[in-house]
Amino acid sequence: MKLKKKTIAAGLLALLTMMIVLSGCSDEKQTNAEQGDVTVNIGVQGSTGVLPYARETKAFEKAFKKEGVNVKWSEFASGPPHFEALASGRLDFGATGGTPLIAGQSGNVDFKAIAVTSDGKKGNSIIIPKGSKIKELKDLKGKKIAVAKGSSAYNFLYMALDRAGLSDKDIKVVQLQPDEARPALDNGSVDAWSTWEPYATTAIYQTGAKSLADGEDLNINAPSFLVARTQFTTDHPDLTVLFLKTYEKVMKQFIEHPDKVSSEIAKKEKLDPKIVSRVLKRSNLILSPTNTEFAKAHQDQADFLYKAGGIKTKLDTSKVIENKFVEKALENK
């Protein structure tokens, strides 16, 4: 392992410190809401996934209205802020990549990973601008690379560097959220960008950027998850199952009517339908328990971060995995 500990630790451990402070406020979480006065708080990021589409079509509002339950949406730029909100009781459900889960578990945030939504092989990419002289991963040496701190793309970048025999001291990491990273890539402030969908495909279609490597190229299996606040699942197990059933219903629209969904999203977001269609195809949407394969891939990511110094404690990631709700939701399927 060639990764220098200090740089990667600086990013994730700063995030973890904030999470630990927030998780200390957990005694003030919203618990045991009275019947008829329950609100389900759902987190969403991006514009092309199942949850953003469900928000536009009001799928969850319709499903929960039958139970006398309200729905409130919160928007996040990336995965890590979901866990800050989970820790403070402001969020009940969300969808993120695996790295934010690892950071959240390290920060003692009380949550459960209740389902896998993708194997993640095509979810993360390192993007280079049109005309770049970078041809392979080893060419990243000495380059500036944009990435969102604590995101799935953050871990992917370090794993990709390791595969190329590079260490973090060989590059300059520029920590930027997607809305900052894309302009930086376009204007040449950074040489490459480690990011996730739909940002990768959008950059490729709109500017002629290219994918230097993705998880499929490197055979990096990085599952994405639906996460839930533990206390909510304890207080409202039936609503947790309903959340998963509703998610699956919306997901099936993506799978069975891709052209219709792509067209609707493209119109709403003012994007080229071809971009949206490609993003959806690369998403490899599923709703699954965390089986042996996914569990191993997630544990491998946590072990990698521990060895690299990104987290202080070696984790048993199975402790945050909870399959019973999705198994119930998928009964008789």
Protein backbone atom coordinates (compact mmCIF):
# COMPACT_ATOMS: atom_id res chain seq x y z
CA MET A 1 0.00 0.00 0.00
CA LYS A 2 1.67 3.18 -1.19
CA LEU A 3 -0.88 5.70 -0.09
CA LYS A 4 0.40 8.37 2.23
CA LYS A 5 -1.93 8.52 5.23
CA LYS A 6 -2.05 12.21 5.99
CA THR A 7 -3.74 13.54 2.86
CA ILE A 8 -6.59 11.06 2.64
CA ALA A 9 -7.08 11.18 6.40
CA ALA A 10 -7.37 14.95 6.39
CA GLY A 11 -10.43 14.83 4.19
CA LEU A 12 -12.39 12.01 5.75
CA LEU A 13 -11.40 12.59 9.35
CA ALA A 14 -12.54 16.22 9.20
CA LEU A 15 -15.86 14.91 7.97
CA LEU A 16 -15.96 12.29 10.70
CA THR A 17 -15.29 14.84 13.42
CA MET A 18 -18.36 16.77 12.35
CA MET A 19 -20.40 13.58 12.29
CA ILE A 20 -19.31 12.56 15.79
CA VAL A 21 -20.36 15.96 17.15
CA LEU A 22 -23.69 15.71 15.42
CA SER A 23 -24.27 12.13 16.53
CA GLY A 24 -23.80 13.33 20.09
CA CYS A 25 -27.07 15.19 19.63
CA SER A 26 -28.89 11.97 18.81
CA ASP A 27 -30.87 11.98 22.04
CA GLU A 28 -32.87 14.84 20.59
CA LYS A 29 -33.92 12.90 17.49
CA GLN A 30 -37.51 12.79 16.37
CA THR A 31 -38.84 9.57 17.87
CA ASN A 32 -42.19 7.94 18.58
CA ALA A 33 -44.21 10.44 16.56
CA GLU A 34 -47.89 10.28 17.32
CA GLN A 35 -50.14 8.47 14.87
CA GLY A 36 -51.44 10.86 12.27
CA ASP A 37 -48.56 13.28 12.84
CA VAL A 38 -45.72 11.36 11.18
CA THR A 39 -43.52 12.96 8.54
CA VAL A 40 -41.11 10.89 6.45
CA ASN A 41 -37.99 12.91 5.63
CA ILE A 42 -36.31 11.78 2.40
CA GLY A 43 -32.96 12.97 1.08
CA VAL A 44 -32.26 13.41 -2.62
CA GLN A 45 -29.21 14.31 -4.69
CA GLY A 46 -28.77 14.85 -8.40
CA SER A 47 -31.55 14.99 -10.97
CA THR A 48 -31.64 11.67 -12.82
CA GLY A 49 -32.00 8.99 -10.15
CA VAL A 50 -35.00 7.12 -8.79
CA LEU A 51 -35.56 9.43 -5.82
CA PRO A 52 -35.38 12.70 -7.83
CA TYR A 53 -37.87 11.24 -10.31
CA ALA A 54 -40.09 10.04 -7.48
CA ARG A 55 -40.08 13.54 -6.03
CA GLU A 56 -41.25 15.00 -9.34
CA THR A 57 -43.99 12.39 -9.78
CA LYS A 58 -45.01 12.56 -6.09
CA ALA A 59 -44.85 8.76 -5.88
CA PHE A 60 -44.01 8.76 -2.16
CA GLU A 61 -46.61 11.38 -1.33
CA LYS A 62 -49.29 9.21 -2.94
CA ALA A 63 -48.11 6.03 -1.20
CA PHE A 64 -47.76 7.55 2.28
CA LYS A 65 -50.94 9.61 2.08
CA LYS A 66 -52.89 6.36 2.34
CA GLU A 67 -51.24 5.84 5.75
CA GLY A 68 -51.91 9.39 6.89
CA VAL A 69 -48.20 10.21 6.66
CA ASN A 70 -46.58 13.34 5.26
CA VAL A 71 -43.45 13.47 3.09
CA LYS A 72 -40.71 16.09 3.24
CA TRP A 73 -37.77 16.27 0.84
CA SER A 74 -34.26 17.58 1.50
CA GLU A 75 -31.71 18.14 -1.26
CA PHE A 76 -27.99 17.37 -0.88
CA ALA A 77 -25.00 18.01 -3.13
CA SER A 78 -23.39 14.65 -2.32
CA GLY A 79 -23.57 11.65 0.01
CA PRO A 80 -21.73 12.81 3.16
CA PRO A 81 -24.24 15.55 4.15
CA HIS A 82 -26.94 12.85 4.30
CA PHE A 83 -25.23 11.43 7.37
CA GLU A 84 -25.01 14.76 9.12
CA ALA A 85 -28.79 15.02 8.66
CA LEU A 86 -29.35 11.42 9.80
CA ALA A 87 -27.26 12.08 12.91
CA SER A 88 -29.31 15.14 13.86
CA GLY A 89 -32.67 13.44 13.19
CA ARG A 90 -33.52 15.67 10.22
CA LEU A 91 -33.49 12.79 7.74
CA ASP A 92 -35.09 9.33 7.72
CA PHE A 93 -34.13 7.91 4.30
CA GLY A 94 -31.58 8.60 1.60
CA ALA A 95 -29.50 7.05 -1.18
CA THR A 96 -25.70 7.26 -1.32
CA GLY A 97 -22.56 5.50 -2.45
CA GLY A 98 -20.60 3.24 -0.12
CA THR A 99 -17.86 5.63 1.01
CA PRO A 100 -20.24 7.98 2.87
CA LEU A 101 -21.60 4.91 4.69
CA ILE A 102 -18.11 4.02 5.85
CA ALA A 103 -17.50 7.57 7.06
CA GLY A 104 -20.88 7.61 8.78
CA GLN A 105 -20.23 4.33 10.58
CA SER A 106 -16.80 5.57 11.64
CA GLY A 107 -18.44 8.70 13.01
CA ASN A 108 -20.92 6.63 15.07
CA VAL A 109 -23.95 7.86 13.16
CA ASP A 110 -26.91 5.64 14.02
CA PHE A 111 -28.18 4.35 10.68
CA LYS A 112 -28.85 1.17 8.74
CA ALA A 113 -28.10 0.26 5.12
CA ILE A 114 -31.47 -1.22 4.18
CA ALA A 115 -30.92 -2.14 0.51
CA VAL A 116 -28.44 -2.10 -2.37
CA THR A 117 -29.44 0.00 -5.39
CA SER A 118 -26.51 -0.63 -7.76
CA ASP A 119 -23.29 -2.63 -7.97
CA GLY A 120 -21.58 0.70 -8.63
CA LYS A 121 -19.15 -0.55 -11.27
CA LYS A 122 -20.12 2.21 -13.70
CA GLY A 123 -21.10 4.75 -11.08
CA ASN A 124 -17.71 6.47 -10.65
CA SER A 125 -15.31 7.72 -13.30
CA ILE A 126 -12.18 9.80 -13.66
CA ILE A 127 -12.93 12.35 -16.38
CA ILE A 128 -10.36 14.24 -18.44
CA PRO A 129 -11.14 17.27 -20.65
CA LYS A 130 -11.21 17.25 -24.44
CA GLY A 131 -7.72 17.40 -25.88
CA SER A 132 -6.03 16.24 -22.68
CA LYS A 133 -2.64 14.60 -23.10
CA ILE A 134 -3.45 12.21 -20.27
CA LYS A 135 -3.80 8.73 -21.79
CA GLU A 136 -3.67 6.37 -18.80
CA LEU A 137 -3.84 6.47 -15.03
CA LYS A 138 -0.09 6.76 -14.54
CA ASP A 139 -0.21 10.03 -16.50
CA LEU A 140 -2.08 11.59 -13.57
CA LYS A 141 1.26 12.02 -11.81
CA GLY A 142 1.80 15.70 -11.05
CA LYS A 143 -1.78 16.63 -12.05
CA LYS A 144 -4.57 18.47 -10.23
CA ILE A 145 -7.63 16.27 -9.71
CA ALA A 146 -11.00 17.53 -8.50
CA VAL A 147 -13.13 15.34 -6.22
CA ALA A 148 -15.86 15.80 -3.61
CA LYS A 149 -14.54 15.05 -0.12
CA GLY A 150 -15.95 11.87 1.41
CA SER A 151 -17.92 10.88 -1.69
CA SER A 152 -17.83 7.48 -3.40
CA ALA A 153 -15.70 9.11 -6.09
CA TYR A 154 -13.19 10.10 -3.39
CA ASN A 155 -12.48 6.50 -2.46
CA PHE A 156 -12.58 5.48 -6.13
CA LEU A 157 -9.84 8.00 -6.94
CA TYR A 158 -7.51 6.60 -4.29
CA MET A 159 -8.20 3.02 -5.33
CA ALA A 160 -7.53 3.94 -8.96
CA LEU A 161 -4.24 5.60 -8.01
CA ASP A 162 -3.24 2.50 -6.08
CA ARG A 163 -3.96 0.33 -9.13
CA ALA A 164 -1.66 2.59 -11.18
CA GLY A 165 1.15 2.35 -8.65
CA LEU A 166 0.77 5.99 -7.66
CA SER A 167 0.46 7.52 -4.22
CA ASP A 168 -1.47 10.59 -3.13
CA LYS A 169 1.81 12.54 -2.98
CA ASP A 170 2.06 12.09 -6.76
CA ILE A 171 -1.00 14.27 -7.40
CA LYS A 172 -2.71 17.38 -6.07
CA VAL A 173 -6.24 16.71 -4.81
CA VAL A 174 -8.60 19.69 -5.20
CA GLN A 175 -11.67 19.14 -3.03
CA LEU A 176 -14.69 20.45 -4.95
CA GLN A 177 -18.40 19.64 -5.07
CA PRO A 178 -19.79 18.82 -8.56
CA ASP A 179 -21.15 22.31 -9.21
CA GLU A 180 -17.64 23.67 -8.59
CA ALA A 181 -15.65 20.85 -10.17
CA ARG A 182 -17.28 20.94 -13.59
CA PRO A 183 -16.36 24.62 -14.27
CA ALA A 184 -12.86 23.92 -12.97
CA LEU A 185 -12.48 21.06 -15.45
CA ASP A 186 -13.90 23.15 -18.29
CA ASN A 187 -11.61 26.14 -17.71
CA GLY A 188 -8.47 24.11 -17.09
CA SER A 189 -8.11 24.84 -13.37
CA VAL A 190 -7.89 21.07 -12.81
CA ASP A 191 -6.54 18.35 -15.08
CA ALA A 192 -9.05 15.63 -14.20
CA TRP A 193 -12.20 15.05 -12.18
CA SER A 194 -13.20 11.98 -10.16
CA THR A 195 -16.98 12.00 -10.06
CA TRP A 196 -20.17 9.98 -10.38
CA GLU A 197 -23.23 9.86 -12.61
CA PRO A 198 -24.87 11.88 -14.05
CA TYR A 199 -21.97 14.35 -13.88
CA ALA A 200 -19.52 12.14 -15.79
CA THR A 201 -21.79 11.47 -18.75
CA THR A 202 -23.01 15.07 -18.86
CA ALA A 203 -19.43 16.35 -19.12
CA ILE A 204 -18.65 13.81 -21.84
CA TYR A 205 -21.66 14.75 -23.97
CA GLN A 206 -21.56 18.49 -23.44
CA THR A 207 -17.84 19.20 -23.73
CA GLY A 208 -16.23 16.21 -25.42
CA ALA A 209 -14.53 15.15 -22.20
CA LYS A 210 -13.45 11.52 -21.94
CA SER A 211 -13.56 8.83 -19.28
CA LEU A 212 -10.03 7.84 -18.32
CA ALA A 213 -11.26 4.93 -16.18
CA ASP A 214 -14.38 3.78 -14.39
CA GLY A 215 -15.13 1.05 -11.89
CA GLU A 216 -15.85 -1.46 -14.63
CA ASP A 217 -12.47 -0.80 -16.27
CA LEU A 218 -10.71 -1.39 -12.95
CA ASN A 219 -13.07 -4.12 -11.74
CA ILE A 220 -13.93 -2.10 -8.65
CA ASN A 221 -17.31 -3.17 -7.28
CA ALA A 222 -18.62 -0.28 -5.17
CA PRO A 223 -22.29 -0.84 -4.28
CA SER A 224 -24.65 2.03 -3.59
CA PHE A 225 -27.23 1.85 -0.81
CA LEU A 226 -30.50 3.09 0.54
CA VAL A 227 -29.92 4.20 4.13
CA ALA A 228 -32.33 4.83 6.99
CA ARG A 229 -32.22 6.39 10.43
CA THR A 230 -32.22 3.46 12.87
CA GLN A 231 -34.77 4.95 15.26
CA PHE A 232 -37.23 5.52 12.43
CA THR A 233 -36.99 1.88 11.33
CA THR A 234 -37.59 0.81 14.94
CA ASP A 235 -40.57 3.10 15.45
CA HIS A 236 -42.06 2.56 11.99
CA PRO A 237 -41.04 -0.79 10.47
CA ASP A 238 -44.15 -0.88 8.25
CA LEU A 239 -43.36 2.56 6.83
CA THR A 240 -39.79 1.44 6.18
CA VAL A 241 -41.12 -1.46 4.11
CA LEU A 242 -43.52 0.90 2.34
CA PHE A 243 -40.61 3.20 1.49
CA LEU A 244 -38.80 0.29 -0.16
CA LYS A 245 -41.90 -0.93 -2.00
CA THR A 246 -42.47 2.57 -3.36
CA TYR A 247 -38.83 2.87 -4.41
CA GLU A 248 -39.11 -0.42 -6.28
CA LYS A 249 -42.30 0.70 -8.02
CA VAL A 250 -40.60 3.85 -9.30
CA MET A 251 -37.44 1.93 -10.24
CA LYS A 252 -39.51 -0.40 -12.42
CA GLN A 253 -40.63 2.60 -14.47
CA PHE A 254 -36.97 3.28 -15.26
CA ILE A 255 -36.44 -0.33 -16.33
CA GLU A 256 -39.70 -0.93 -18.21
CA HIS A 257 -40.17 2.52 -19.77
CA PRO A 258 -36.67 3.99 -20.19
CA ASP A 259 -37.53 6.21 -23.15
CA LYS A 260 -40.50 7.78 -21.39
CA VAL A 261 -38.57 8.37 -18.17
CA SER A 262 -35.54 9.73 -20.05
CA SER A 263 -37.74 12.12 -22.00
CA GLU A 264 -39.50 13.40 -18.88
CA ILE A 265 -36.27 13.94 -16.96
CA ALA A 266 -34.58 15.59 -19.95
CA LYS A 267 -37.46 18.01 -20.39
CA LYS A 268 -37.56 18.89 -16.70
CA GLU A 269 -33.79 19.36 -16.39
CA LYS A 270 -33.33 20.84 -19.88
CA LEU A 271 -30.87 18.13 -20.85
CA ASP A 272 -30.28 16.22 -24.07
CA PRO A 273 -32.40 13.03 -23.85
CA LYS A 274 -29.35 11.07 -25.07
CA ILE A 275 -27.45 12.13 -21.96
CA VAL A 276 -30.22 11.03 -19.64
CA SER A 277 -30.70 7.74 -21.52
CA ARG A 278 -26.99 6.91 -21.24
CA VAL A 279 -26.93 7.78 -17.54
CA LEU A 280 -29.88 5.50 -16.86
CA LYS A 281 -28.30 2.64 -18.81
CA ARG A 282 -25.08 2.99 -16.83
CA SER A 283 -26.93 3.05 -13.52
CA ASN A 284 -27.69 -0.69 -13.52
CA LEU A 285 -30.59 -0.13 -11.14
CA ILE A 286 -31.53 -2.89 -8.71
CA LEU A 287 -33.22 -3.25 -5.35
CA SER A 288 -31.56 -6.05 -3.44
CA PRO A 289 -30.57 -7.20 0.02
CA THR A 290 -26.87 -6.83 0.74
CA ASN A 291 -25.84 -10.30 -0.37
CA THR A 292 -22.43 -11.91 0.11
CA GLU A 293 -20.94 -10.28 -2.99
CA PHE A 294 -22.08 -6.77 -2.09
CA ALA A 295 -21.13 -7.20 1.56
CA LYS A 296 -17.59 -8.24 0.61
CA ALA A 297 -17.19 -5.33 -1.81
CA HIS A 298 -18.32 -2.86 0.84
CA GLN A 299 -16.07 -4.40 3.48
CA ASP A 300 -13.14 -4.28 1.04
CA GLN A 301 -13.68 -0.53 0.60
CA ALA A 302 -13.71 0.00 4.36
CA ASP A 303 -10.53 -2.07 4.74
CA PHE A 304 -8.85 -0.04 2.01
CA LEU A 305 -9.70 3.22 3.75
CA TYR A 306 -8.43 1.88 7.07
CA LYS A 307 -5.11 0.79 5.58
CA ALA A 308 -4.78 4.15 3.82
CA GLY A 309 -5.40 6.02 7.08
CA GLY A 310 -8.72 7.46 6.00
CA ILE A 311 -10.49 6.03 9.05
CA LYS A 312 -8.96 5.37 12.46
CA THR A 313 -10.78 2.16 13.34
CA LYS A 314 -11.07 -1.08 11.39
CA LEU A 315 -14.79 -1.52 10.77
CA ASP A 316 -17.09 -4.50 10.64
CA THR A 317 -19.45 -3.07 8.03
CA SER A 318 -21.96 -5.87 8.57
CA LYS A 319 -23.04 -4.09 11.77
CA VAL A 320 -24.90 -1.43 9.76
CA ILE A 321 -26.41 -3.84 7.23
CA GLU A 322 -30.10 -4.62 7.77
CA ASN A 323 -31.78 -6.82 5.16
CA LYS A 324 -35.08 -7.68 6.85
CA PHE A 325 -37.00 -4.68 5.50
CA VAL A 326 -36.05 -5.17 1.86
CA GLU A 327 -36.63 -8.90 2.14
CA LYS A 328 -40.14 -8.12 3.40
CA ALA A 329 -40.68 -5.57 0.61
CA LEU A 330 -39.62 -8.10 -2.04
CA GLU A 331 -41.68 -11.01 -0.75
CA ASN A 332 -43.50 -12.91 -3.51
CA LYS A 333 -41.52 -11.07 -6.20
